[in-house]
Amino acid sequence: TSIVREGALSGLVILATEWEAFDEETKRTMSPRRVQDAEARLHAGSALARICNLDIVLSKLDMNSVTQLLTTGIPDIVEQMVTYLADRANAGEKDRLKIIQAPEALLWIFLLLNAKRKSIRLQCARALVELTSYQRTKEVAHDENGLEALLRLLSSEEDAGEKYGVKALADLTTDHSGNVEAFVELGGIPAVLKLCCSCYDDTKLEAARVLANISSVRANADKIVEEGGIVLLITLAGCGLEDVECYVARAFAAIASSCVENQRVMIAEGAIPALIRMARNNTKKSKQDVATTLDAMARVEENKNRLFEENAVDALTLLASNKNKAVASRATEALEVLTSHA
């Protein structure tokens, strides 16, 4: 408290910011003054590490001071600062905007996803999941290779890392083609497909969202199919979660619209019964994508007999009576194609 009251906190921050660790061999080659200076900085860092977890100190810190403290490289101080940023990011919109508007703070959060200390990495991820919906964060992630670090979190043994990582990736690949491209190039599709079998509903939801985000690109749709994603999407569709079903339906619509070869795989793997179930249940938001998928399949001659055999006509008839005009129109078009075939 005296340190804060007497204005010494800022001096400690400045001193510790320039702190460097010197081993004994290095010290022997330095002047006595340089050694003394290095040790003074070390003591400043140690002092900050002891006091930076006090509320009275944190209340005096602005984003510039936080950024300065992150540059000290002292693990205890760094962890306290990223925890502070994570707490602020979870506190509300006003605090999140302060972080977004402090480019260096946002950059450090991404950089420290690569920290050796696991707790630092997880606190950075906890902060990011509250910030990744902002366009500024998406740009920093793209420019600073942030997706690579997040993908490493998915392969960690920590459930929290997996949870935070896939949520951040789902946000970062929403409406950002550069991040979608980077995600795929970094091998993100197989990593996220593995999460479709997670025992955690939140993880399955975000995995489905990522796949829906990337599947509109033909090459990505092909890759999802090649990696066995159709079976996993069908499994997700039956998990009983409405939002998951919506993302699965969007991915199905994109994949079915991509090429005939992908439709063949979808049908062979059992997608038609899954689509029929989605057409008949109470999830309103998925209906247009279901109608779009069935319509795309109906326009390929080789699929028509299978659609009749699986009783897709009844499902399309139900969709054709939907109050949503776009759903009804698409289903009606598919029925007309199948009826002309008959």
Protein backbone atom coordinates (compact mmCIF):
# COMPACT_ATOMS: atom_id res chain seq x y z
CA THR A 1 0.00 0.00 0.00
CA SER A 2 2.84 2.41 0.82
CA ILE A 3 4.49 1.64 -2.51
CA VAL A 4 1.30 2.63 -4.33
CA ARG A 5 0.64 5.67 -2.14
CA GLU A 6 4.15 7.04 -2.55
CA GLY A 7 4.06 6.62 -6.34
CA ALA A 8 6.81 4.02 -6.42
CA LEU A 9 4.82 1.50 -8.45
CA SER A 10 5.53 3.22 -11.76
CA GLY A 11 9.25 3.31 -10.95
CA LEU A 12 9.27 -0.41 -10.26
CA VAL A 13 7.42 -1.06 -13.52
CA ILE A 14 9.96 0.96 -15.52
CA LEU A 15 12.90 -0.68 -13.80
CA ALA A 16 11.58 -4.22 -14.12
CA THR A 17 10.57 -3.69 -17.74
CA GLU A 18 14.22 -3.50 -18.72
CA TRP A 19 15.18 -6.44 -16.51
CA GLU A 20 17.40 -9.14 -17.97
CA ALA A 21 18.55 -12.35 -16.38
CA PHE A 22 22.31 -12.86 -16.36
CA ASP A 23 24.06 -16.09 -15.53
CA GLU A 24 27.27 -16.08 -13.50
CA GLU A 25 29.50 -16.51 -16.54
CA THR A 26 27.99 -13.44 -18.17
CA LYS A 27 28.34 -11.42 -14.98
CA ARG A 28 32.08 -12.08 -14.87
CA THR A 29 32.47 -10.27 -18.19
CA MET A 30 30.45 -7.26 -17.05
CA SER A 31 31.55 -4.13 -15.24
CA PRO A 32 30.65 -3.91 -11.54
CA ARG A 33 28.19 -1.12 -12.38
CA ARG A 34 26.48 -3.29 -14.97
CA VAL A 35 26.17 -6.18 -12.54
CA GLN A 36 24.73 -3.86 -9.93
CA ASP A 37 22.25 -2.52 -12.46
CA ALA A 38 21.15 -6.02 -13.49
CA GLU A 39 20.66 -7.06 -9.88
CA ALA A 40 18.63 -3.93 -9.17
CA ARG A 41 16.31 -4.83 -11.99
CA LEU A 42 16.02 -8.37 -10.69
CA HIS A 43 15.04 -7.06 -7.27
CA ALA A 44 12.47 -4.74 -8.86
CA GLY A 45 10.98 -7.69 -10.67
CA SER A 46 10.87 -9.73 -7.48
CA ALA A 47 9.13 -6.88 -5.66
CA LEU A 48 6.52 -6.58 -8.39
CA ALA A 49 5.94 -10.32 -8.41
CA ARG A 50 5.06 -10.12 -4.71
CA ILE A 51 2.71 -7.15 -4.92
CA CYS A 52 1.06 -7.39 -8.33
CA ASN A 53 -1.62 -9.75 -7.11
CA LEU A 54 -2.94 -7.11 -4.69
CA ASP A 55 -6.22 -5.48 -5.71
CA ILE A 56 -4.94 -2.03 -4.75
CA VAL A 57 -2.04 -2.41 -7.19
CA LEU A 58 -4.17 -3.80 -10.00
CA SER A 59 -6.59 -0.89 -9.62
CA LYS A 60 -3.73 1.51 -10.41
CA LEU A 61 -2.64 -0.25 -13.59
CA ASP A 62 -3.63 0.97 -17.05
CA MET A 63 -3.15 -1.07 -20.23
CA ASN A 64 0.20 0.59 -20.90
CA SER A 65 1.52 -0.50 -17.49
CA VAL A 66 0.17 -4.01 -18.02
CA THR A 67 1.98 -4.20 -21.36
CA GLN A 68 5.18 -3.00 -19.75
CA LEU A 69 4.92 -5.65 -17.07
CA LEU A 70 4.39 -8.35 -19.69
CA THR A 71 7.70 -7.39 -21.28
CA THR A 72 9.62 -8.16 -18.07
CA GLY A 73 9.67 -11.84 -18.95
CA ILE A 74 9.40 -12.71 -15.25
CA PRO A 75 7.00 -15.69 -15.23
CA ASP A 76 5.18 -14.80 -12.00
CA ILE A 77 4.55 -11.23 -13.14
CA VAL A 78 3.54 -12.34 -16.63
CA GLU A 79 1.06 -14.85 -15.22
CA GLN A 80 -0.45 -12.24 -12.92
CA MET A 81 -0.84 -9.81 -15.82
CA VAL A 82 -2.42 -12.29 -18.24
CA THR A 83 -4.76 -13.43 -15.46
CA TYR A 84 -5.64 -9.76 -14.91
CA LEU A 85 -6.34 -9.37 -18.66
CA ALA A 86 -8.46 -12.53 -18.67
CA ASP A 87 -10.47 -11.25 -15.71
CA ARG A 88 -10.98 -7.90 -17.44
CA ALA A 89 -12.00 -9.57 -20.71
CA ASN A 90 -14.63 -11.55 -18.80
CA ALA A 91 -15.84 -8.51 -16.84
CA GLY A 92 -17.81 -6.83 -19.61
CA GLU A 93 -17.85 -4.98 -22.92
CA LYS A 94 -16.22 -1.81 -21.58
CA ASP A 95 -13.16 -3.67 -20.29
CA ARG A 96 -12.92 -5.78 -23.44
CA LEU A 97 -12.80 -2.66 -25.59
CA LYS A 98 -9.92 -1.31 -23.49
CA ILE A 99 -7.91 -4.40 -24.35
CA ILE A 100 -8.90 -4.31 -28.03
CA GLN A 101 -7.89 -0.66 -28.23
CA ALA A 102 -4.47 -1.42 -26.73
CA PRO A 103 -2.75 -3.18 -29.67
CA GLU A 104 0.31 -4.20 -27.66
CA ALA A 105 -1.80 -5.91 -24.99
CA LEU A 106 -3.71 -7.90 -27.62
CA LEU A 107 -0.48 -8.83 -29.37
CA TRP A 108 1.05 -10.07 -26.12
CA ILE A 109 -1.94 -12.30 -25.45
CA PHE A 110 -1.34 -14.07 -28.76
CA LEU A 111 2.42 -14.25 -28.28
CA LEU A 112 2.07 -15.75 -24.81
CA LEU A 113 -0.04 -18.61 -26.14
CA ASN A 114 3.42 -20.05 -26.81
CA ALA A 115 4.66 -19.55 -23.24
CA LYS A 116 6.40 -22.47 -21.52
CA ARG A 117 4.22 -22.17 -18.42
CA LYS A 118 0.91 -23.95 -19.00
CA SER A 119 -1.04 -21.68 -16.67
CA ILE A 120 0.04 -18.63 -18.70
CA ARG A 121 -1.13 -20.27 -21.93
CA LEU A 122 -4.51 -21.11 -20.44
CA GLN A 123 -5.05 -17.62 -19.06
CA CYS A 124 -4.26 -16.17 -22.51
CA ALA A 125 -6.79 -18.53 -24.05
CA ARG A 126 -9.35 -17.58 -21.39
CA ALA A 127 -8.88 -13.93 -22.35
CA LEU A 128 -9.02 -14.60 -26.08
CA VAL A 129 -12.38 -16.39 -26.10
CA GLU A 130 -13.94 -13.12 -24.96
CA LEU A 131 -12.07 -11.07 -27.60
CA THR A 132 -12.06 -13.19 -30.77
CA SER A 133 -15.42 -11.97 -32.08
CA TYR A 134 -13.92 -8.51 -32.63
CA GLN A 135 -12.57 -7.76 -36.10
CA ARG A 136 -9.38 -6.27 -34.65
CA THR A 137 -8.61 -9.55 -32.87
CA LYS A 138 -9.19 -11.49 -36.08
CA GLU A 139 -6.70 -9.29 -37.90
CA VAL A 140 -4.05 -9.67 -35.19
CA ALA A 141 -4.57 -13.44 -35.15
CA HIS A 142 -4.00 -13.55 -38.90
CA ASP A 143 -0.96 -11.25 -38.89
CA GLU A 144 0.73 -12.88 -35.89
CA ASN A 145 0.06 -16.56 -36.68
CA GLY A 146 -2.28 -16.82 -33.73
CA LEU A 147 -4.20 -19.76 -35.18
CA GLU A 148 -1.14 -22.00 -35.02
CA ALA A 149 -0.83 -21.53 -31.27
CA LEU A 150 -4.55 -22.12 -30.78
CA LEU A 151 -4.37 -25.36 -32.76
CA ARG A 152 -1.61 -26.53 -30.43
CA LEU A 153 -3.98 -25.97 -27.53
CA LEU A 154 -6.40 -28.44 -29.13
CA SER A 155 -3.77 -31.17 -28.95
CA SER A 156 -2.98 -30.48 -25.31
CA GLU A 157 -4.23 -32.83 -22.63
CA GLU A 158 -6.03 -30.03 -20.84
CA ASP A 159 -9.81 -29.91 -21.31
CA ALA A 160 -9.73 -26.17 -20.68
CA GLY A 161 -7.21 -25.64 -23.48
CA GLU A 162 -9.37 -27.63 -25.85
CA LYS A 163 -12.49 -25.73 -24.81
CA TYR A 164 -10.93 -22.27 -25.13
CA GLY A 165 -9.00 -23.14 -28.28
CA VAL A 166 -11.92 -24.39 -30.36
CA LYS A 167 -14.15 -21.51 -29.26
CA ALA A 168 -11.50 -18.99 -30.32
CA LEU A 169 -11.00 -20.77 -33.64
CA ALA A 170 -14.74 -20.76 -34.31
CA ASP A 171 -14.83 -16.99 -33.79
CA LEU A 172 -11.67 -16.31 -35.79
CA THR A 173 -12.89 -18.29 -38.82
CA THR A 174 -16.23 -16.48 -38.87
CA ASP A 175 -16.35 -13.95 -41.72
CA HIS A 176 -12.58 -13.89 -42.21
CA SER A 177 -11.33 -15.69 -45.32
CA GLY A 178 -7.67 -15.19 -44.39
CA ASN A 179 -8.10 -17.02 -41.10
CA VAL A 180 -10.09 -19.78 -42.81
CA GLU A 181 -7.25 -20.29 -45.29
CA ALA A 182 -4.60 -20.25 -42.55
CA PHE A 183 -6.63 -22.67 -40.42
CA VAL A 184 -6.83 -25.22 -43.24
CA GLU A 185 -3.16 -24.84 -44.23
CA LEU A 186 -2.12 -25.48 -40.63
CA GLY A 187 -3.97 -28.81 -40.59
CA GLY A 188 -6.94 -27.55 -38.63
CA ILE A 189 -9.58 -29.77 -40.24
CA PRO A 190 -8.38 -33.11 -38.80
CA ALA A 191 -7.79 -31.45 -35.42
CA VAL A 192 -11.33 -30.12 -35.21
CA LEU A 193 -12.93 -33.28 -36.58
CA LYS A 194 -11.49 -35.15 -33.59
CA LEU A 195 -13.42 -32.82 -31.30
CA CYS A 196 -16.74 -33.87 -32.83
CA CYS A 197 -16.58 -36.88 -30.52
CA SER A 198 -15.90 -34.79 -27.40
CA CYS A 199 -17.86 -35.59 -24.28
CA TYR A 200 -18.42 -31.85 -23.76
CA ASP A 201 -21.40 -30.23 -25.47
CA ASP A 202 -19.71 -26.82 -25.73
CA THR A 203 -16.75 -28.36 -27.54
CA LYS A 204 -18.99 -30.21 -30.00
CA LEU A 205 -20.91 -27.00 -30.67
CA GLU A 206 -17.78 -25.00 -31.50
CA ALA A 207 -16.32 -27.83 -33.60
CA ALA A 208 -19.53 -27.87 -35.66
CA ARG A 209 -19.34 -24.08 -36.00
CA VAL A 210 -15.78 -24.24 -37.33
CA LEU A 211 -16.77 -26.86 -39.92
CA ALA A 212 -19.76 -24.77 -40.98
CA ASN A 213 -17.51 -21.70 -41.31
CA ILE A 214 -14.95 -23.35 -43.57
CA SER A 215 -17.10 -25.70 -45.68
CA SER A 216 -18.31 -23.01 -48.10
CA VAL A 217 -14.90 -23.22 -49.83
CA ARG A 218 -14.92 -26.15 -52.29
CA ALA A 219 -11.43 -27.37 -51.39
CA ASN A 220 -12.33 -27.34 -47.69
CA ALA A 221 -15.53 -29.28 -48.31
CA ASP A 222 -13.48 -31.88 -50.18
CA LYS A 223 -10.99 -32.10 -47.31
CA ILE A 224 -13.76 -32.57 -44.73
CA VAL A 225 -15.12 -35.46 -46.80
CA GLU A 226 -11.65 -36.97 -47.33
CA GLU A 227 -10.95 -36.88 -43.59
CA GLY A 228 -14.13 -38.84 -42.78
CA GLY A 229 -16.08 -35.80 -41.69
CA ILE A 230 -19.46 -36.90 -43.03
CA VAL A 231 -19.90 -39.69 -40.48
CA LEU A 232 -18.85 -37.32 -37.70
CA LEU A 233 -21.28 -34.63 -38.88
CA ILE A 234 -24.09 -37.19 -38.96
CA THR A 235 -23.20 -38.17 -35.39
CA LEU A 236 -23.26 -34.51 -34.35
CA ALA A 237 -26.64 -34.05 -35.99
CA GLY A 238 -28.08 -36.67 -33.68
CA CYS A 239 -26.62 -35.29 -30.44
CA GLY A 240 -29.86 -33.49 -29.54
CA LEU A 241 -28.43 -29.96 -29.41
CA GLU A 242 -30.35 -27.50 -31.57
CA ASP A 243 -27.45 -25.13 -32.28
CA VAL A 244 -25.16 -28.01 -33.21
CA GLU A 245 -27.77 -29.28 -35.65
CA CYS A 246 -27.96 -25.86 -37.28
CA TYR A 247 -24.22 -25.78 -37.94
CA VAL A 248 -24.25 -29.37 -39.21
CA ALA A 249 -27.08 -28.48 -41.62
CA ARG A 250 -25.08 -25.50 -42.90
CA ALA A 251 -22.03 -27.67 -43.46
CA PHE A 252 -24.13 -30.32 -45.23
CA ALA A 253 -25.64 -27.70 -47.54
CA ALA A 254 -22.19 -26.40 -48.51
CA ILE A 255 -20.73 -29.88 -49.02
CA ALA A 256 -23.69 -31.13 -51.06
CA SER A 257 -23.53 -28.03 -53.23
CA SER A 258 -19.78 -28.43 -53.84
CA CYS A 259 -19.76 -31.43 -56.18
CA VAL A 260 -21.46 -34.71 -57.10
CA GLU A 261 -18.59 -36.77 -55.69
CA ASN A 262 -19.18 -35.35 -52.22
CA GLN A 263 -22.91 -36.05 -52.54
CA ARG A 264 -22.11 -39.69 -53.30
CA VAL A 265 -20.12 -39.96 -50.08
CA MET A 266 -22.86 -38.24 -48.10
CA ILE A 267 -25.49 -40.65 -49.38
CA ALA A 268 -23.28 -43.71 -48.91
CA GLU A 269 -22.48 -42.69 -45.33
CA GLY A 270 -26.16 -42.27 -44.40
CA ALA A 271 -26.78 -38.54 -44.66
CA ILE A 272 -30.28 -38.83 -46.13
CA PRO A 273 -31.89 -40.36 -42.99
CA ALA A 274 -30.15 -37.69 -40.90
CA LEU A 275 -31.51 -34.95 -43.18
CA ILE A 276 -35.00 -36.43 -42.98
CA ARG A 277 -34.84 -36.40 -39.18
CA MET A 278 -33.76 -32.76 -39.25
CA ALA A 279 -36.61 -31.93 -41.64
CA ARG A 280 -39.15 -33.43 -39.24
CA ASN A 281 -37.93 -32.14 -35.88
CA ASN A 282 -38.70 -28.81 -34.20
CA THR A 283 -35.43 -27.02 -35.01
CA LYS A 284 -36.56 -24.11 -37.17
CA LYS A 285 -33.18 -22.57 -37.98
CA SER A 286 -31.82 -25.63 -39.81
CA LYS A 287 -34.73 -26.13 -42.19
CA GLN A 288 -33.49 -23.98 -45.08
CA ASP A 289 -30.11 -25.68 -45.15
CA VAL A 290 -31.80 -29.10 -45.02
CA ALA A 291 -34.01 -28.11 -47.96
CA THR A 292 -30.96 -26.79 -49.83
CA THR A 293 -29.08 -30.05 -49.30
CA LEU A 294 -31.98 -32.24 -50.46
CA ASP A 295 -32.57 -29.97 -53.44
CA ALA A 296 -28.89 -30.24 -54.48
CA MET A 297 -29.10 -34.02 -54.24
CA ALA A 298 -32.39 -34.17 -56.15
CA ARG A 299 -30.85 -32.43 -59.15
CA VAL A 300 -28.39 -35.28 -59.74
CA GLU A 301 -29.99 -38.13 -61.67
CA GLU A 302 -28.16 -40.93 -59.88
CA ASN A 303 -29.44 -39.74 -56.49
CA LYS A 304 -33.13 -39.71 -57.28
CA ASN A 305 -33.93 -43.39 -56.76
CA ARG A 306 -32.13 -43.32 -53.41
CA LEU A 307 -34.11 -40.26 -52.31
CA PHE A 308 -37.35 -42.08 -53.14
CA GLU A 309 -36.20 -45.23 -51.36
CA GLU A 310 -35.30 -43.26 -48.23
CA ASN A 311 -38.70 -41.51 -48.30
CA ALA A 312 -37.22 -38.06 -48.75
CA VAL A 313 -40.37 -37.02 -50.62
CA ASP A 314 -42.39 -36.94 -47.41
CA ALA A 315 -39.74 -34.82 -45.72
CA LEU A 316 -39.68 -32.40 -48.67
CA THR A 317 -43.48 -32.22 -48.67
CA LEU A 318 -43.35 -31.23 -45.01
CA LEU A 319 -40.73 -28.58 -45.74
CA ALA A 320 -42.77 -27.26 -48.67
CA SER A 321 -45.51 -26.31 -46.21
CA ASN A 322 -43.08 -24.42 -43.96
CA LYS A 323 -44.10 -20.87 -43.04
CA ASN A 324 -40.66 -19.65 -44.06
CA LYS A 325 -41.05 -18.81 -47.76
CA ALA A 326 -37.42 -19.49 -48.59
CA VAL A 327 -37.63 -22.98 -47.06
CA ALA A 328 -40.95 -23.73 -48.76
CA SER A 329 -39.69 -22.51 -52.13
CA ARG A 330 -36.50 -24.57 -52.07
CA ALA A 331 -38.36 -27.71 -50.95
CA THR A 332 -41.01 -27.21 -53.63
CA GLU A 333 -38.34 -26.96 -56.32
CA ALA A 334 -36.77 -30.21 -55.11
CA LEU A 335 -40.17 -31.94 -55.14
CA GLU A 336 -40.82 -30.79 -58.70
CA VAL A 337 -37.52 -32.28 -59.82
CA LEU A 338 -38.24 -35.60 -58.12
CA THR A 339 -41.83 -35.71 -59.33
CA SER A 340 -40.79 -35.16 -62.93
CA HIS A 341 -38.37 -38.05 -62.50
CA ALA A 342 -41.17 -40.30 -61.27
